[in-house]
Protein backbone atom coordinates (compact mmCIF):
# COMPACT_ATOMS: atom_id res chain seq x y z
CA UNK A 1 0.00 0.00 0.00
CA UNK A 2 1.01 3.62 -0.54
CA UNK A 3 -0.54 7.00 0.03
CA UNK A 4 -1.06 7.56 -3.67
CA UNK A 5 -4.73 7.07 -4.39
CA UNK A 6 -6.61 6.48 -7.62
CA UNK A 7 -9.63 8.68 -8.26
CA UNK A 8 -12.56 6.98 -10.02
CA UNK A 9 -11.65 8.94 -13.17
CA UNK A 10 -8.25 7.23 -13.21
CA UNK A 11 -6.09 10.14 -12.07
CA UNK A 12 -3.69 9.94 -9.13
CA UNK A 13 -4.28 11.91 -5.94
CA UNK A 14 -1.29 12.35 -3.64
CA UNK A 15 -1.71 12.41 0.14
CA UNK A 16 1.03 13.81 2.37
CA UNK A 17 1.66 15.31 5.79
CA UNK A 18 3.37 18.69 6.15
CA UNK A 19 6.74 18.72 7.89
CA UNK A 20 6.39 22.30 9.14
CA UNK A 21 5.28 20.57 12.35
CA UNK A 22 9.00 19.86 12.90
CA UNK A 23 11.35 22.54 14.17
CA UNK A 24 14.57 21.80 12.24
CA UNK A 25 15.72 24.51 9.83
CA UNK A 26 19.08 23.12 8.67
CA UNK A 27 19.96 20.07 6.59
CA UNK A 28 21.19 17.83 9.46
CA UNK A 29 17.95 18.53 11.31
CA UNK A 30 15.86 17.78 8.23
CA UNK A 31 17.63 14.47 7.69
CA UNK A 32 16.92 13.71 11.33
CA UNK A 33 13.20 14.42 10.80
CA UNK A 34 13.11 12.06 7.84
CA UNK A 35 14.85 9.13 9.50
CA UNK A 36 13.06 9.75 12.80
CA UNK A 37 9.46 10.93 12.78
CA UNK A 38 8.64 10.54 9.08
CA UNK A 39 10.02 7.01 8.86
CA UNK A 40 8.14 6.08 12.03
CA UNK A 41 4.87 7.50 10.63
CA UNK A 42 5.34 5.33 7.53
CA UNK A 43 5.85 2.24 9.66
CA UNK A 44 2.85 3.01 11.85
CA UNK A 45 0.67 3.36 8.76
CA UNK A 46 2.05 0.17 7.26
CA UNK A 47 2.62 1.78 3.87
CA UNK A 48 5.43 1.16 1.41
CA UNK A 49 5.70 4.85 0.59
CA UNK A 50 4.76 7.97 2.55
CA UNK A 51 4.15 11.38 1.04
CA UNK A 52 5.65 14.47 2.66
CA UNK A 53 4.73 18.12 2.21
CA UNK A 54 8.28 19.25 2.90
CA UNK A 55 9.00 22.57 4.58
CA UNK A 56 12.44 24.02 3.90
CA UNK A 57 13.49 27.20 5.65
CA UNK A 58 15.32 29.84 3.63
CA UNK A 59 18.58 28.67 5.18
CA UNK A 60 18.03 25.02 4.26
CA UNK A 61 16.84 25.88 0.74
CA UNK A 62 19.88 28.09 0.09
CA UNK A 63 22.17 25.33 1.34
CA UNK A 64 20.63 22.77 -1.02
CA UNK A 65 20.89 25.12 -4.00
CA UNK A 66 24.50 25.97 -3.24
CA UNK A 67 25.52 22.31 -2.90
CA UNK A 68 24.04 20.09 -5.64
CA UNK A 69 25.52 17.03 -3.97
CA UNK A 70 23.40 17.71 -0.88
CA UNK A 71 20.26 17.95 -3.02
CA UNK A 72 21.06 14.65 -4.75
CA UNK A 73 21.77 13.13 -1.35
CA UNK A 74 18.41 14.30 -0.01
CA UNK A 75 16.64 12.69 -2.93
CA UNK A 76 18.48 9.42 -2.35
CA UNK A 77 17.69 9.56 1.37
CA UNK A 78 13.98 10.03 0.70
CA UNK A 79 13.93 7.03 -1.61
CA UNK A 80 15.84 4.85 0.84
CA UNK A 81 13.37 5.67 3.62
CA UNK A 82 10.26 5.02 1.49
CA UNK A 83 9.37 8.72 1.39
CA UNK A 84 8.42 10.94 -1.52
CA UNK A 85 7.91 14.67 -2.03
CA UNK A 86 5.54 16.13 -4.62
CA UNK A 87 4.65 19.31 -2.71
CA UNK A 88 6.44 21.89 -0.59
CA UNK A 89 5.09 24.30 1.99
CA UNK A 90 6.65 27.64 1.05
CA UNK A 91 4.60 29.82 3.43
CA UNK A 92 6.96 30.13 6.46
CA UNK A 93 10.30 31.66 5.44
CA UNK A 94 12.23 30.92 8.62
CA UNK A 95 11.87 30.80 12.38
CA UNK A 96 8.55 28.96 12.29
CA UNK A 97 9.23 27.39 15.67
CA UNK A 98 10.69 30.44 17.36
CA UNK A 99 9.32 31.22 20.81
CA UNK A 100 7.11 33.90 19.24
CA UNK A 101 6.13 33.80 15.57
CA UNK A 102 2.75 35.59 15.30
CA UNK A 103 2.78 38.23 12.51
CA UNK A 104 6.35 37.46 11.46
CA UNK A 105 5.14 34.42 9.52
CA UNK A 106 3.90 36.83 6.82
CA UNK A 107 7.37 38.24 6.13
CA UNK A 108 8.91 38.65 3.69
CA UNK A 109 5.71 39.12 1.73
CA UNK A 110 5.20 39.15 -2.03
CA UNK A 111 6.18 42.82 -2.28
CA UNK A 112 9.69 41.80 -1.23
CA UNK A 113 11.94 40.40 -3.96
CA UNK A 114 13.36 37.97 -1.41
CA UNK A 115 10.00 36.13 -1.33
CA UNK A 116 10.26 35.70 -5.10
CA UNK A 117 13.85 34.42 -4.88
CA UNK A 118 13.02 32.01 -2.07
CA UNK A 119 9.99 30.61 -3.90
CA UNK A 120 11.77 30.11 -7.23
CA UNK A 121 14.59 28.41 -5.32
CA UNK A 122 12.05 26.04 -3.78
CA UNK A 123 10.74 25.28 -7.26
CA UNK A 124 14.24 24.31 -8.42
CA UNK A 125 14.58 22.01 -5.42
CA UNK A 126 11.16 20.42 -5.90
CA UNK A 127 11.81 19.73 -9.57
CA UNK A 128 14.91 17.78 -8.50
CA UNK A 129 13.10 15.89 -5.71
CA UNK A 130 10.03 14.76 -7.67
CA UNK A 131 9.88 10.99 -8.20
CA UNK A 132 10.78 9.86 -11.70
CA UNK A 133 7.17 8.98 -12.52
CA UNK A 134 5.77 12.36 -11.35
CA UNK A 135 5.92 15.42 -13.60
CA UNK A 136 3.95 17.94 -11.54
CA UNK A 137 4.74 19.47 -8.17
CA UNK A 138 3.12 22.18 -6.08
CA UNK A 139 4.22 24.84 -3.61
CA UNK A 140 1.89 26.65 -1.21
CA UNK A 141 2.66 30.25 -0.30
CA UNK A 142 1.24 33.13 1.70
CA UNK A 143 -1.78 35.12 0.41
CA UNK A 144 0.35 38.00 -0.90
CA UNK A 145 0.69 39.93 2.38
CA UNK A 146 -0.82 40.78 5.73
CA UNK A 147 -3.50 43.45 5.29
CA UNK A 148 -1.75 46.43 6.93
CA UNK A 149 0.29 48.74 4.74
CA UNK A 150 -1.33 47.63 1.50
CA UNK A 151 -1.28 50.39 -1.14
CA UNK A 152 -1.74 50.62 -4.90
CA UNK A 153 2.01 50.94 -5.22
CA UNK A 154 2.60 47.81 -3.17
CA UNK A 155 -0.04 45.95 -5.16
CA UNK A 156 1.76 46.85 -8.40
CA UNK A 157 5.07 45.52 -7.05
CA UNK A 158 3.37 42.30 -5.94
CA UNK A 159 1.84 41.74 -9.37
CA UNK A 160 5.22 42.28 -11.04
CA UNK A 161 6.70 39.63 -8.74
CA UNK A 162 3.87 37.22 -9.55
CA UNK A 163 4.56 37.71 -13.25
CA UNK A 164 8.24 37.00 -12.61
CA UNK A 165 7.33 33.89 -10.63
CA UNK A 166 5.21 32.57 -13.49
CA UNK A 167 8.00 33.27 -15.98
CA UNK A 168 10.51 31.48 -13.77
CA UNK A 169 8.24 28.45 -13.37
CA UNK A 170 7.61 28.35 -17.10
CA UNK A 171 11.35 28.41 -17.79
CA UNK A 172 11.91 25.67 -15.20
CA UNK A 173 9.35 23.46 -16.93
CA UNK A 174 11.12 24.02 -20.23
CA UNK A 175 14.48 23.00 -18.76
CA UNK A 176 13.40 20.06 -16.63
CA UNK A 177 10.07 18.81 -17.98
CA UNK A 178 8.69 19.27 -14.45
CA UNK A 179 5.71 21.61 -14.02
CA UNK A 180 5.76 23.33 -10.64
CA UNK A 181 2.61 25.23 -9.69
CA UNK A 182 2.31 27.84 -6.98
CA UNK A 183 -0.79 28.02 -4.74
CA UNK A 184 -1.69 31.19 -2.81
CA UNK A 185 -3.34 30.30 0.48
CA UNK A 186 -6.21 32.60 1.61
CA UNK A 187 -6.06 33.30 5.34
CA UNK A 188 -8.04 35.53 7.72
CA UNK A 189 -6.45 38.95 8.23
CA UNK A 190 -4.46 38.87 5.00
CA UNK A 191 -4.93 40.72 1.73
CA UNK A 192 -6.40 37.52 0.32
CA UNK A 193 -8.69 36.32 3.12
CA UNK A 194 -11.22 34.35 1.10
CA UNK A 195 -11.61 32.61 -2.23
CA UNK A 196 -13.74 35.48 -3.68
CA UNK A 197 -10.93 37.90 -2.81
CA UNK A 198 -8.49 35.55 -4.51
CA UNK A 199 -10.64 35.60 -7.63
CA UNK A 200 -10.58 39.40 -7.68
CA UNK A 201 -6.84 39.77 -7.11
CA UNK A 202 -5.50 36.79 -9.07
CA UNK A 203 -7.83 36.67 -12.06
CA UNK A 204 -5.20 37.98 -14.49
CA UNK A 205 -2.19 35.89 -13.45
CA UNK A 206 -0.78 32.92 -15.36
CA UNK A 207 -3.15 30.12 -14.34
CA UNK A 208 -0.92 27.46 -15.87
CA UNK A 209 1.50 28.02 -13.00
CA UNK A 210 -0.31 30.12 -10.37
CA UNK A 211 -3.49 29.20 -8.52
CA UNK A 212 -4.95 28.55 -5.09
CA UNK A 213 -4.03 26.44 -2.09
CA UNK A 214 -7.23 25.95 -0.12
CA UNK A 215 -6.79 25.53 3.63
CA UNK A 216 -9.89 23.94 5.16
CA UNK A 217 -9.27 25.52 8.59
CA UNK A 218 -8.96 29.01 7.09
CA UNK A 219 -12.10 28.57 5.02
CA UNK A 220 -14.07 27.35 8.02
CA UNK A 221 -12.91 30.30 10.14
CA UNK A 222 -14.02 32.59 7.32
CA UNK A 223 -17.48 30.96 7.30
CA UNK A 224 -17.00 30.22 3.60
CA UNK A 225 -19.41 27.87 1.91
CA UNK A 226 -17.39 24.70 1.03
CA UNK A 227 -18.14 25.01 -2.66
CA UNK A 228 -16.76 28.56 -2.87
CA UNK A 229 -13.29 27.46 -3.89
CA UNK A 230 -14.62 25.39 -6.77
CA UNK A 231 -16.41 28.41 -8.25
CA UNK A 232 -13.51 30.85 -8.38
CA UNK A 233 -12.32 29.87 -11.83
CA UNK A 234 -8.79 29.61 -10.40
CA UNK A 235 -6.98 26.27 -10.41
CA UNK A 236 -6.81 24.60 -6.98
CA UNK A 237 -3.26 23.35 -6.92
CA UNK A 238 -3.42 21.93 -3.39
CA UNK A 239 -5.75 21.29 -0.47
CA UNK A 240 -4.41 21.65 3.03
CA UNK A 241 -6.52 19.33 5.14
CA UNK A 242 -6.91 21.02 8.51
CA UNK A 243 -9.53 21.61 11.20
CA UNK A 244 -10.36 24.74 13.18
CA UNK A 245 -11.47 25.00 16.78
CA UNK A 246 -15.19 25.66 17.32
CA UNK A 247 -16.77 27.04 20.52
CA UNK A 248 -20.54 27.30 21.02
CA UNK A 249 -22.15 30.50 22.35
CA UNK A 250 -21.35 31.20 25.97
CA UNK A 251 -18.66 28.52 26.24
CA UNK A 252 -15.68 30.43 24.89
CA UNK A 253 -13.73 30.43 28.16
CA UNK A 254 -12.90 26.82 27.37
CA UNK A 255 -10.69 28.21 24.59
CA UNK A 256 -8.31 29.80 27.10
CA UNK A 257 -6.12 26.67 27.13
CA UNK A 258 -5.41 27.26 23.43
CA UNK A 259 -4.32 30.89 23.85
CA UNK A 260 -0.59 30.36 23.40
CA UNK A 261 2.31 32.66 22.55
CA UNK A 262 3.87 31.19 19.41
CA UNK A 263 1.31 31.30 16.60
CA UNK A 264 -1.39 33.76 15.57
CA UNK A 265 -4.88 32.36 16.13
CA UNK A 266 -7.42 34.50 14.31
CA UNK A 267 -10.99 34.15 15.58
CA UNK A 268 -14.29 34.93 13.92
CA UNK A 269 -17.98 34.83 14.76
CA UNK A 270 -20.97 35.63 12.60
CA UNK A 271 -20.57 39.37 13.26
CA UNK A 272 -17.04 39.88 14.57
CA UNK A 273 -13.34 39.25 13.97
CA UNK A 274 -10.19 39.33 16.12
CA UNK A 275 -6.59 38.96 14.98
CA UNK A 276 -5.72 36.64 17.86
CA UNK A 277 -7.48 34.42 20.36
CA UNK A 278 -6.34 36.48 23.34
CA UNK A 279 -7.94 39.56 21.83
CA UNK A 280 -11.17 37.65 21.27
CA UNK A 281 -11.21 36.35 24.85
CA UNK A 282 -10.64 39.88 26.15
CA UNK A 283 -13.96 40.97 24.65
CA UNK A 284 -13.08 41.27 20.99
CA UNK A 285 -15.87 38.94 19.89
CA UNK A 286 -19.51 38.66 21.04
CA UNK A 287 -19.96 35.84 23.54
CA UNK A 288 -23.50 35.07 22.39
CA UNK A 289 -22.26 33.76 19.02
CA UNK A 290 -20.36 30.65 18.00
CA UNK A 291 -16.63 31.21 17.44
CA UNK A 292 -14.30 29.58 14.97
CA UNK A 293 -10.59 29.83 15.74
CA UNK A 294 -7.55 29.45 13.51
CA UNK A 295 -5.86 26.78 15.60
CA UNK A 296 -5.06 23.70 13.54
CA UNK A 297 -6.28 20.80 15.66
CA UNK A 298 -5.99 17.07 14.89
CA UNK A 299 -8.28 15.86 12.12
CA UNK A 300 -9.22 12.62 13.84
CA UNK A 301 -9.82 13.79 17.38
CA UNK A 302 -11.98 16.44 19.07
CA UNK A 303 -11.12 18.49 22.16
CA UNK A 304 -13.15 17.95 25.34
CA UNK A 305 -16.71 19.35 25.24
CA UNK A 306 -18.06 21.95 24.91
CA UNK A 307 -15.42 22.58 22.23
CA UNK A 308 -15.48 20.81 18.87
CA UNK A 309 -13.74 21.10 15.51
CA UNK A 310 -14.63 21.90 11.92
CA UNK A 311 -14.13 18.27 10.81
CA UNK A 312 -17.66 18.18 9.29
CA UNK A 313 -16.67 21.19 7.17
CA UNK A 314 -13.51 19.40 6.02
CA UNK A 315 -15.56 16.37 5.00
CA UNK A 316 -17.90 18.59 2.98
CA UNK A 317 -14.93 20.30 1.31
CA UNK A 318 -13.36 16.94 0.44
CA UNK A 319 -16.63 15.92 -1.17
CA UNK A 320 -16.65 19.11 -3.27
CA UNK A 321 -13.05 18.76 -4.39
CA UNK A 322 -12.71 14.99 -4.75
CA UNK A 323 -16.20 13.50 -4.76
CA UNK A 324 -17.15 14.49 -8.30
CA UNK A 325 -16.51 13.00 -11.70
CA UNK A 326 -12.97 14.39 -11.67
CA UNK A 327 -10.74 15.69 -8.89
CA UNK A 328 -10.50 19.47 -8.59
CA UNK A 329 -7.10 19.06 -6.95
CA UNK A 330 -4.61 16.19 -6.92
CA UNK A 331 -2.49 17.16 -3.92
CA UNK A 332 -3.83 16.81 -0.36
CA UNK A 333 -1.57 17.83 2.51
CA UNK A 334 -2.47 17.22 6.15
CA UNK A 335 -1.20 20.34 7.91
CA UNK A 336 -1.45 20.21 11.70
CA UNK A 337 1.63 22.22 12.61
CA UNK A 338 0.48 22.88 16.19
CA UNK A 339 1.21 19.52 17.84
CA UNK A 340 3.99 21.09 19.93
CA UNK A 341 1.66 23.76 21.39
CA UNK A 342 -1.48 21.65 21.58
CA UNK A 343 -2.87 21.18 25.11
CA UNK A 344 -2.51 17.54 26.07
CA UNK A 345 -0.46 16.66 22.99
CA UNK A 346 0.83 13.07 22.86
CA UNK A 347 4.47 12.47 23.74
CA UNK A 348 4.93 10.67 20.41
CA UNK A 349 3.88 13.09 17.68
CA UNK A 350 4.40 10.35 15.07
CA UNK A 351 1.41 8.49 16.48
CA UNK A 352 -0.77 11.59 16.14
CA UNK A 353 0.33 12.25 12.56
CA UNK A 354 -0.23 8.62 11.59
CA UNK A 355 -3.71 8.70 13.12
CA UNK A 356 -4.57 11.82 11.11
CA UNK A 357 -3.35 10.29 7.87
CA UNK A 358 -5.27 7.10 8.58
CA UNK A 359 -8.43 9.17 9.20
CA UNK A 360 -7.84 11.00 5.92
CA UNK A 361 -7.37 7.74 4.02
CA UNK A 362 -10.76 6.67 5.33
CA UNK A 363 -12.41 9.88 4.17
CA UNK A 364 -10.92 9.54 0.70
CA UNK A 365 -11.88 5.87 0.48
CA UNK A 366 -15.48 6.84 1.30
CA UNK A 367 -15.38 9.11 -1.78
CA UNK A 368 -14.37 6.21 -3.99
CA UNK A 369 -10.61 6.76 -4.08
CA UNK A 370 -8.51 3.59 -3.88
CA UNK A 371 -4.92 3.13 -2.76
CA UNK A 372 -2.60 2.18 -5.59
């Protein structure tokens, strides 16, 4: 068995877990992740091959590009461990497991030429890491920028960088025969918060190489209808399978255990929005409404009542994207990066990741997808 699945239309859907859950940002640390947690997840699942959504910090990516032998060695190591990479997470640039991340995760943004350089470097790396029988890879990236400081002038610079990204990806395909597509990931509080905003801002880009990465947690927090992403007209290059926290009216104090210092946890109700959970708990959201919180929680498990998760929303989104006559995306990445800050997290994170992937395999099987 593998975590490549066959859609009823005959196409292959790749399932992976995102390694941004791991803290290492240099090549020795990444090799340690692969031979440690990733290899253990594969064994726990009992699969011959495990898909990874690899996260490479700017430092690690630059090291791989500067030393071709290291890149070839990484590819060989993946193969030896029964691991494969068809997608990268290019959203965090560095320091994703610093003591405090918060708003820094959105820098550098797409107005900064360094974001363009980093992303095109990732594309070069991914083209080299793709298995021999795979010709298409994907990279997820931030939704242009955080909302503050956005001007017409900044928007023009961003669009010029997106054009340059598309040109670079097109040239890469010509040189390597590998098509790498970039997916912009709508997120609350950013310039692109929702799929309709993505349609408005990205309608004129090169859709052969640039499209959307839909994050199920972000969409649920935004109270988006699950079918919204399918109606944008933009290609959906990747789905990030994730679940948000949900608190019923009057029970929000139970969320206090999730108010932690590292990551930003946007919160929304039917009539209100707060940039972070602490702000919401301090009165930033009405207590007589249900809240949805941007805290990626395990797909397969719910927190103690009265809290719950947006797992039903994820199932509906999977049905929209993969339950039809043809798949609307072929890359599915489980992205629960919060295991290390999750209240009551298991000592063995590999067991949690394996349980999530097993849950996801069950959801996909229920839609008619079969393991190859």
